[in-house]
């Protein structure tokens, strides 16, 4: 069982930056692929980015490539999402997720992830 708690959301102007954190419970954090998803009002939840267990591989949605960076600190059981050059269309609830088994394209699929955080709101004003 893994519990995930996101933090760092808030209100920011377009062009600004935010850093989200997701703290995980347990002693096996480094065995999980970690992902970030988001859900905007009236829309389905969508993949944002994911990072492999060792941090050696990352995946990004086209919409955030070059602006967002995922990283992890296995010693602190924490995954981060650095968001730069934010746009109003980035406004959403951002969710952290964990899965032991996904690889490749499966890591883009929310159905692959076993554990989810409660979400943190990010609002980008124009």
Foldseek 3Di string as FASTA:
>chain_A
DKAKAKDWADEEAAQAKTKMKIAIDDLPLLLKKKFKWWDDPPGDIFGAKIAHSVRPDMDGDPVQPPFWDWGDDSVRRMIMIIGGRDDQVVWTWMKMFIARDDDDPVVRDPVRTDYIYPTDTHGYHD
